[in-house]
Amino acid sequence: RIRQIFRWGASEELCSYRVYRRLRTIPGLAIGEEGVREKPAVSDVDTATVEATLKHLPPVVGDMVQLQLLTGARPDEICALRPSEIDRTRKVWRYRPAQHKNKHRGLDRVVFIGRKGQKILRPYLDRPADSYCFSPAEGEQGRLTELHERRKTPLNHGNRPGTNRRTKPKRKPGARYTTASLRRAIHRACEKAQITPWSPNRLRHAAATKAREIGGLDASQAILGHQHAKMSETYAHLNLQKAEEVIRQIG
């Protein structure tokens, strides 16, 4: 990151190019180097952990988790999903995010959605095409509805629905979930389930493992969107075909 800053500074003539050239001679940090914190490798999240977490998640967030597990999409791709970006003309739907990690490299990104994913997604498609499928406001409404259904106090006692809400809350539900709000919701559910918190990226790893078992490494790479700029168009096309077939089998 420091090198990138000085490279930009040199390109804008804010510092000498010699400084950037000297910075390039400094070796990177080695694995196991003293005083450097090592992050643990991201691993799959097992089915039992996901199921235990789903029991304590709001319905909307639960559907987001299940859809990511079925498609291998990135968390931000699930959060930013819109009806207008989904091609529903085929048996296996194709979701092309307007913004994605490798867009600046000129690469296409396709997220395949099989029949199980379609079943989860259908209730969220009945809305304006340019709006987000997963809304925090809907998630909060679902949570309040669930609390009301579990209510044991008679309605003529205590607070009635809607009477204990703040007129000027400090935070209002946004138009869409973010990766941070999705992660916080999962962590809160894990605390309720009394299990170790896990991040939504581990769902992507679990989907990749299953895809590789069915279709091999190249299908797994295509599902995850791990394409390189030098990859030929023919090879990418073959990858997409295999990825679509694997998602059809997964659901």
Protein backbone atom coordinates (compact mmCIF):
# COMPACT_ATOMS: atom_id res chain seq x y z
CA ARG A 1 0.00 0.00 0.00
CA ILE A 2 2.84 2.37 0.81
CA ARG A 3 4.45 1.62 -2.54
CA GLN A 4 1.14 2.34 -4.31
CA ILE A 5 0.85 5.68 -2.53
CA PHE A 6 4.34 6.73 -3.61
CA ARG A 7 3.78 5.41 -7.14
CA TRP A 8 0.73 7.67 -7.40
CA GLY A 9 2.71 10.54 -5.85
CA ALA A 10 5.49 10.10 -8.41
CA SER A 11 2.96 10.01 -11.28
CA GLU A 12 1.47 13.29 -10.03
CA GLU A 13 4.97 14.79 -9.58
CA LEU A 14 4.35 15.21 -5.84
CA CYS A 15 7.52 13.30 -4.96
CA SER A 16 10.67 12.12 -6.66
CA TYR A 17 10.51 8.93 -8.72
CA ARG A 18 13.76 7.91 -7.01
CA VAL A 19 11.88 7.53 -3.71
CA TYR A 20 9.41 5.12 -5.27
CA ARG A 21 12.22 3.22 -7.00
CA ARG A 22 14.07 2.80 -3.69
CA LEU A 23 10.88 1.64 -1.96
CA ARG A 24 10.57 -1.15 -4.54
CA THR A 25 13.89 -2.59 -3.34
CA ILE A 26 12.48 -3.28 0.15
CA PRO A 27 11.47 -6.95 0.43
CA GLY A 28 7.98 -7.91 1.50
CA LEU A 29 7.13 -9.49 4.84
CA ALA A 30 7.86 -13.21 5.11
CA ILE A 31 5.49 -15.77 6.62
CA GLY A 32 6.26 -16.28 10.30
CA GLU A 33 8.31 -13.10 10.61
CA GLU A 34 8.65 -11.95 14.20
CA GLY A 35 6.28 -9.20 15.28
CA VAL A 36 3.86 -9.71 12.36
CA ARG A 37 0.31 -10.86 13.08
CA GLU A 38 -0.70 -13.77 10.87
CA LYS A 39 -4.34 -14.00 9.86
CA PRO A 40 -5.83 -17.50 9.90
CA ALA A 41 -6.72 -18.94 6.50
CA VAL A 42 -10.40 -18.60 5.56
CA SER A 43 -12.05 -22.01 5.68
CA ASP A 44 -15.47 -23.42 4.81
CA VAL A 45 -18.36 -23.07 7.23
CA ASP A 46 -19.99 -26.42 7.91
CA THR A 47 -23.68 -27.17 7.37
CA ALA A 48 -24.46 -27.67 11.06
CA THR A 49 -23.09 -24.21 11.92
CA VAL A 50 -25.10 -22.55 9.15
CA GLU A 51 -28.31 -24.29 10.24
CA ALA A 52 -27.77 -23.28 13.88
CA THR A 53 -27.22 -19.68 12.80
CA LEU A 54 -30.26 -19.58 10.51
CA LYS A 55 -32.57 -20.29 13.46
CA HIS A 56 -31.67 -16.90 14.97
CA LEU A 57 -31.43 -14.78 11.80
CA PRO A 58 -34.18 -12.46 10.53
CA PRO A 59 -35.97 -14.07 7.54
CA VAL A 60 -34.47 -11.65 5.01
CA VAL A 61 -30.90 -12.17 6.22
CA GLY A 62 -31.50 -15.92 6.39
CA ASP A 63 -32.50 -15.92 2.73
CA MET A 64 -29.37 -13.93 1.84
CA VAL A 65 -27.19 -16.49 3.62
CA GLN A 66 -28.84 -19.43 1.88
CA LEU A 67 -28.65 -17.75 -1.54
CA GLN A 68 -24.94 -17.05 -1.11
CA LEU A 69 -24.32 -20.65 -0.08
CA LEU A 70 -26.11 -21.91 -3.21
CA THR A 71 -24.44 -19.52 -5.68
CA GLY A 72 -20.97 -18.81 -4.30
CA ALA A 73 -21.54 -15.08 -4.79
CA ARG A 74 -19.53 -12.50 -2.90
CA PRO A 75 -21.31 -10.92 0.10
CA ASP A 76 -21.45 -7.51 -1.59
CA GLU A 77 -22.96 -9.09 -4.73
CA ILE A 78 -25.80 -10.54 -2.63
CA CYS A 79 -26.32 -7.22 -0.83
CA ALA A 80 -26.48 -5.24 -4.10
CA LEU A 81 -28.77 -7.66 -5.98
CA ARG A 82 -31.48 -5.97 -8.09
CA PRO A 83 -34.26 -7.57 -10.19
CA SER A 84 -33.07 -5.68 -13.30
CA GLU A 85 -29.69 -7.45 -13.18
CA ILE A 86 -31.11 -10.99 -13.34
CA ASP A 87 -31.63 -12.77 -16.66
CA ARG A 88 -34.57 -15.14 -16.07
CA THR A 89 -34.94 -16.39 -19.66
CA ARG A 90 -33.05 -19.66 -18.98
CA LYS A 91 -33.63 -22.57 -16.61
CA VAL A 92 -30.58 -21.42 -14.66
CA TRP A 93 -30.84 -17.69 -14.02
CA ARG A 94 -27.85 -15.42 -14.64
CA TYR A 95 -27.14 -12.46 -12.38
CA ARG A 96 -24.68 -9.91 -13.76
CA PRO A 97 -23.79 -7.37 -11.04
CA ALA A 98 -23.50 -3.78 -12.25
CA GLN A 99 -20.44 -3.38 -10.02
CA HIS A 100 -18.03 -6.15 -9.14
CA LYS A 101 -14.44 -6.71 -8.05
CA ASN A 102 -12.90 -7.19 -11.51
CA LYS A 103 -14.98 -4.73 -13.54
CA HIS A 104 -12.06 -2.30 -13.83
CA ARG A 105 -10.12 -5.10 -15.55
CA GLY A 106 -12.78 -5.39 -18.25
CA LEU A 107 -13.94 -8.83 -17.04
CA ASP A 108 -17.53 -10.01 -16.97
CA ARG A 109 -19.07 -11.45 -13.80
CA VAL A 110 -21.89 -13.97 -13.91
CA VAL A 111 -23.57 -15.46 -10.84
CA PHE A 112 -25.66 -18.54 -11.68
CA ILE A 113 -28.88 -19.17 -9.72
CA GLY A 114 -30.40 -22.65 -9.76
CA ARG A 115 -33.92 -23.77 -8.86
CA LYS A 116 -33.38 -23.70 -5.07
CA GLY A 117 -31.92 -20.21 -5.29
CA GLN A 118 -34.76 -19.13 -7.57
CA LYS A 119 -37.31 -20.33 -5.02
CA ILE A 120 -35.63 -18.19 -2.34
CA LEU A 121 -35.38 -15.17 -4.62
CA ARG A 122 -38.84 -15.10 -6.22
CA PRO A 123 -40.64 -13.31 -3.31
CA TYR A 124 -38.08 -10.47 -3.58
CA LEU A 125 -38.54 -9.83 -7.30
CA ASP A 126 -42.01 -8.26 -7.01
CA ARG A 127 -40.69 -4.70 -6.72
CA PRO A 128 -39.29 -1.93 -8.96
CA ALA A 129 -36.59 -3.35 -11.20
CA ASP A 130 -33.91 -0.88 -10.02
CA SER A 131 -34.53 -1.32 -6.27
CA TYR A 132 -32.58 -3.70 -4.06
CA CYS A 133 -34.01 -7.16 -3.47
CA PHE A 134 -32.95 -7.37 0.17
CA SER A 135 -34.10 -4.39 2.21
CA PRO A 136 -33.12 -3.76 5.88
CA ALA A 137 -36.53 -2.11 6.40
CA GLU A 138 -38.26 -5.34 5.33
CA GLY A 139 -35.91 -7.29 7.55
CA GLU A 140 -36.80 -5.14 10.55
CA GLN A 141 -40.50 -5.42 9.78
CA GLY A 142 -40.17 -9.19 9.63
CA ARG A 143 -38.40 -9.21 13.00
CA LEU A 144 -41.15 -7.09 14.59
CA THR A 145 -43.84 -9.32 13.09
CA GLU A 146 -42.15 -12.39 14.52
CA LEU A 147 -41.95 -10.76 17.96
CA HIS A 148 -45.64 -9.85 17.75
CA GLU A 149 -46.59 -13.44 16.89
CA ARG A 150 -44.70 -14.68 19.95
CA ARG A 151 -46.32 -12.10 22.21
CA LYS A 152 -48.06 -13.54 25.26
CA THR A 153 -49.27 -10.29 26.85
CA PRO A 154 -52.86 -9.44 25.81
CA LEU A 155 -53.16 -6.52 23.39
CA ASN A 156 -55.18 -4.51 25.91
CA HIS A 157 -52.20 -4.64 28.31
CA GLY A 158 -48.79 -3.06 27.82
CA ASN A 159 -47.57 -1.49 24.61
CA ARG A 160 -49.63 -1.94 21.46
CA PRO A 161 -47.81 -2.55 18.15
CA GLY A 162 -46.20 0.67 16.94
CA THR A 163 -46.70 2.71 20.13
CA ASN A 164 -43.19 2.32 21.55
CA ARG A 165 -41.27 3.47 18.48
CA ARG A 166 -39.07 6.56 18.58
CA THR A 167 -40.19 9.48 16.46
CA LYS A 168 -36.57 10.40 15.72
CA PRO A 169 -34.43 7.25 15.89
CA LYS A 170 -30.65 7.64 15.76
CA ARG A 171 -30.40 5.12 12.94
CA LYS A 172 -32.93 4.22 10.28
CA PRO A 173 -32.83 1.11 8.08
CA GLY A 174 -30.94 1.80 4.86
CA ALA A 175 -31.97 1.03 1.30
CA ARG A 176 -29.77 -2.07 1.22
CA TYR A 177 -27.61 -4.26 3.39
CA THR A 178 -23.84 -3.82 3.38
CA THR A 179 -21.20 -6.47 3.93
CA ALA A 180 -20.65 -5.00 7.40
CA SER A 181 -24.34 -5.07 8.39
CA LEU A 182 -24.67 -8.62 7.00
CA ARG A 183 -21.67 -9.74 9.03
CA ARG A 184 -23.02 -8.08 12.20
CA ALA A 185 -26.39 -9.81 11.78
CA ILE A 186 -24.65 -13.18 11.44
CA HIS A 187 -22.49 -12.51 14.50
CA ARG A 188 -25.52 -11.56 16.59
CA ALA A 189 -27.26 -14.76 15.54
CA CYS A 190 -24.16 -16.78 16.44
CA GLU A 191 -24.12 -15.23 19.90
CA LYS A 192 -27.75 -16.25 20.40
CA ALA A 193 -26.96 -19.75 19.16
CA GLN A 194 -23.87 -19.82 21.44
CA ILE A 195 -21.51 -20.75 18.64
CA THR A 196 -18.29 -19.17 17.37
CA PRO A 197 -19.06 -16.20 15.06
CA TRP A 198 -18.23 -16.68 11.39
CA SER A 199 -18.05 -14.33 8.41
CA PRO A 200 -20.19 -14.50 5.23
CA ASN A 201 -17.08 -15.05 3.10
CA ARG A 202 -16.90 -18.58 4.51
CA LEU A 203 -20.17 -19.35 2.70
CA ARG A 204 -18.39 -18.58 -0.56
CA HIS A 205 -15.61 -21.01 0.34
CA ALA A 206 -18.16 -23.71 1.18
CA ALA A 207 -19.88 -23.19 -2.18
CA ALA A 208 -16.51 -23.38 -3.96
CA THR A 209 -15.67 -26.68 -2.27
CA LYS A 210 -18.98 -28.24 -3.30
CA ALA A 211 -18.65 -26.94 -6.87
CA ARG A 212 -15.15 -28.37 -7.16
CA GLU A 213 -16.34 -31.78 -5.96
CA ILE A 214 -18.97 -31.84 -8.70
CA GLY A 215 -17.36 -30.04 -11.64
CA GLY A 216 -13.64 -29.73 -10.95
CA LEU A 217 -11.36 -26.76 -10.36
CA ASP A 218 -12.21 -24.83 -13.53
CA ALA A 219 -15.95 -24.87 -12.75
CA SER A 220 -15.24 -23.70 -9.20
CA GLN A 221 -13.13 -20.82 -10.52
CA ALA A 222 -15.87 -19.77 -12.95
CA ILE A 223 -18.56 -19.85 -10.26
CA LEU A 224 -16.41 -17.69 -7.98
CA GLY A 225 -15.44 -15.31 -10.79
CA HIS A 226 -11.71 -16.04 -10.50
CA GLN A 227 -10.85 -15.30 -14.14
CA HIS A 228 -7.51 -13.89 -15.33
CA ALA A 229 -7.08 -11.21 -17.99
CA LYS A 230 -4.95 -13.54 -20.16
CA MET A 231 -7.59 -16.26 -20.24
CA SER A 232 -8.91 -16.80 -23.74
CA GLU A 233 -12.55 -16.11 -24.56
CA THR A 234 -13.08 -19.75 -25.59
CA TYR A 235 -11.76 -21.09 -22.29
CA ALA A 236 -13.90 -18.62 -20.32
CA HIS A 237 -16.97 -19.68 -22.31
CA LEU A 238 -16.34 -23.35 -21.58
CA ASN A 239 -15.93 -22.48 -17.91
CA LEU A 240 -19.28 -20.71 -17.85
CA GLN A 241 -20.99 -23.70 -19.41
CA LYS A 242 -19.56 -26.03 -16.78
CA ALA A 243 -20.38 -23.57 -13.99
CA GLU A 244 -24.01 -23.37 -15.15
CA GLU A 245 -24.26 -27.16 -15.17
CA VAL A 246 -22.79 -27.44 -11.67
CA ILE A 247 -25.20 -24.84 -10.24
CA ARG A 248 -28.07 -26.70 -11.92
CA GLN A 249 -27.04 -29.83 -10.02
CA ILE A 250 -26.52 -27.98 -6.72
CA GLY A 251 -29.85 -26.16 -7.04
